[in-house]
Amino acid sequence: MKTKEKILNHIQNKNIQLDSLEDFTTVAISSELNLSRTLVSELLNELVKEKKIIRIKSRPVFFIPPNCQTNRNSVL
């Protein structure tokens, strides 16, 4: 499996809670997958351009699957 596919699978398979979006940052993803932050950032930006994930512009930036819908306490 290619690195980009690993990152996409990682994002798609995580349970998303609004109070734990910290798991969806470049730093968190790179740490969990034991990859460099620079490489993960580059691949996340490619996945955004391919419309496979969504970038939430904030500080820090979050990356989530495009099919997530927000609920009062979580992202579905």
C-alpha atoms as a PDB file:
ATOM      1  CA  MET A   1       0.000   0.000   0.000  1.00  0.00           C
ATOM      2  CA  LYS A   2       1.340   3.419  -0.934  1.00  0.00           C
ATOM      3  CA  THR A   3       1.935   6.058   1.717  1.00  0.00           C
ATOM      4  CA  LYS A   4      -0.850   8.293   0.373  1.00  0.00           C
ATOM      5  CA  GLU A   5      -3.301   5.368   0.598  1.00  0.00           C
ATOM      6  CA  LYS A   6      -2.195   4.669   4.188  1.00  0.00           C
ATOM      7  CA  ILE A   7      -2.906   8.281   5.131  1.00  0.00           C
ATOM      8  CA  LEU A   8      -6.313   8.234   3.420  1.00  0.00           C
ATOM      9  CA  ASN A   9      -7.269   4.947   5.111  1.00  0.00           C
ATOM     10  CA  HIS A  10      -6.118   6.297   8.457  1.00  0.00           C
ATOM     11  CA  ILE A  11      -8.359   9.356   8.146  1.00  0.00           C
ATOM     12  CA  GLN A  12     -11.347   7.402   6.816  1.00  0.00           C
ATOM     13  CA  ASN A  13     -11.177   4.729   9.527  1.00  0.00           C
ATOM     14  CA  LYS A  14     -10.934   7.000  12.564  1.00  0.00           C
ATOM     15  CA  ASN A  15     -13.987   7.803  14.627  1.00  0.00           C
ATOM     16  CA  ILE A  16     -14.443  11.570  14.452  1.00  0.00           C
ATOM     17  CA  GLN A  17     -15.600  13.461  17.531  1.00  0.00           C
ATOM     18  CA  LEU A  18     -15.700  17.244  17.598  1.00  0.00           C
ATOM     19  CA  ASP A  19     -13.815  17.287  20.891  1.00  0.00           C
ATOM     20  CA  SER A  20     -11.030  15.112  19.466  1.00  0.00           C
ATOM     21  CA  LEU A  21     -10.318  16.710  16.114  1.00  0.00           C
ATOM     22  CA  GLU A  22      -6.716  17.039  17.305  1.00  0.00           C
ATOM     23  CA  ASP A  23      -6.248  13.490  15.920  1.00  0.00           C
ATOM     24  CA  PHE A  24      -6.789  14.897  12.414  1.00  0.00           C
ATOM     25  CA  THR A  25      -3.865  17.308  12.236  1.00  0.00           C
ATOM     26  CA  THR A  26      -0.702  16.846  10.196  1.00  0.00           C
ATOM     27  CA  VAL A  27       1.370  16.384  13.346  1.00  0.00           C
ATOM     28  CA  ALA A  28      -0.965  13.757  14.843  1.00  0.00           C
ATOM     29  CA  ILE A  29      -1.252  11.791  11.611  1.00  0.00           C
ATOM     30  CA  SER A  30       2.496  11.840  11.020  1.00  0.00           C
ATOM     31  CA  SER A  31       3.118  10.695  14.583  1.00  0.00           C
ATOM     32  CA  GLU A  32       0.583   7.851  14.452  1.00  0.00           C
ATOM     33  CA  LEU A  33       1.861   6.589  11.092  1.00  0.00           C
ATOM     34  CA  ASN A  34       5.528   7.191  11.968  1.00  0.00           C
ATOM     35  CA  LEU A  35       6.093   9.391   8.898  1.00  0.00           C
ATOM     36  CA  SER A  36       7.726  12.788   8.533  1.00  0.00           C
ATOM     37  CA  ARG A  37       5.424  15.761   9.036  1.00  0.00           C
ATOM     38  CA  THR A  38       6.623  17.281   5.766  1.00  0.00           C
ATOM     39  CA  LEU A  39       5.709  14.181   3.746  1.00  0.00           C
ATOM     40  CA  VAL A  40       2.314  13.873   5.439  1.00  0.00           C
ATOM     41  CA  SER A  41       1.582  17.554   4.813  1.00  0.00           C
ATOM     42  CA  GLU A  42       2.445  17.208   1.135  1.00  0.00           C
ATOM     43  CA  LEU A  43       0.281  14.102   0.706  1.00  0.00           C
ATOM     44  CA  LEU A  44      -2.637  15.584   2.648  1.00  0.00           C
ATOM     45  CA  ASN A  45      -2.602  18.598   0.329  1.00  0.00           C
ATOM     46  CA  GLU A  46      -2.646  16.258  -2.677  1.00  0.00           C
ATOM     47  CA  LEU A  47      -5.628  14.386  -1.202  1.00  0.00           C
ATOM     48  CA  VAL A  48      -7.435  17.710  -0.729  1.00  0.00           C
ATOM     49  CA  LYS A  49      -6.806  18.633  -4.378  1.00  0.00           C
ATOM     50  CA  GLU A  50      -8.142  15.207  -5.404  1.00  0.00           C
ATOM     51  CA  LYS A  51     -11.242  15.912  -3.246  1.00  0.00           C
ATOM     52  CA  LYS A  52     -10.660  12.754  -1.211  1.00  0.00           C
ATOM     53  CA  ILE A  53     -10.478  14.674   2.073  1.00  0.00           C
ATOM     54  CA  ILE A  54     -11.541  18.102   3.324  1.00  0.00           C
ATOM     55  CA  ARG A  55      -9.267  20.716   4.877  1.00  0.00           C
ATOM     56  CA  ILE A  56     -10.755  22.634   7.784  1.00  0.00           C
ATOM     57  CA  LYS A  57      -8.905  25.934   7.826  1.00  0.00           C
ATOM     58  CA  SER A  58      -8.127  26.727  11.426  1.00  0.00           C
ATOM     59  CA  ARG A  59      -5.116  26.661  13.705  1.00  0.00           C
ATOM     60  CA  PRO A  60      -4.151  23.864  13.577  1.00  0.00           C
ATOM     61  CA  VAL A  61      -5.538  22.710  10.227  1.00  0.00           C
ATOM     62  CA  PHE A  62      -7.721  19.581  10.349  1.00  0.00           C
ATOM     63  CA  PHE A  63      -8.218  16.997   7.596  1.00  0.00           C
ATOM     64  CA  ILE A  64     -11.408  14.897   7.567  1.00  0.00           C
ATOM     65  CA  PRO A  65     -13.239  12.633   5.102  1.00  0.00           C
ATOM     66  CA  PRO A  66     -15.589  14.523   2.744  1.00  0.00           C
ATOM     67  CA  ASN A  67     -18.652  12.500   3.721  1.00  0.00           C
ATOM     68  CA  CYS A  68     -18.631  13.689   7.341  1.00  0.00           C
ATOM     69  CA  GLN A  69     -21.673  15.559   8.544  1.00  0.00           C
ATOM     70  CA  THR A  70     -21.633  17.548  11.726  1.00  0.00           C
ATOM     71  CA  ASN A  71     -23.917  16.681  14.584  1.00  0.00           C
ATOM     72  CA  ARG A  72     -24.208  18.545  17.847  1.00  0.00           C
ATOM     73  CA  ASN A  73     -21.478  16.518  19.588  1.00  0.00           C
ATOM     74  CA  SER A  74     -19.759  14.699  16.788  1.00  0.00           C
ATOM     75  CA  VAL A  75     -18.978  14.554  13.127  1.00  0.00           C
ATOM     76  CA  LEU A  76     -20.826  11.682  11.482  1.00  0.00           C
END
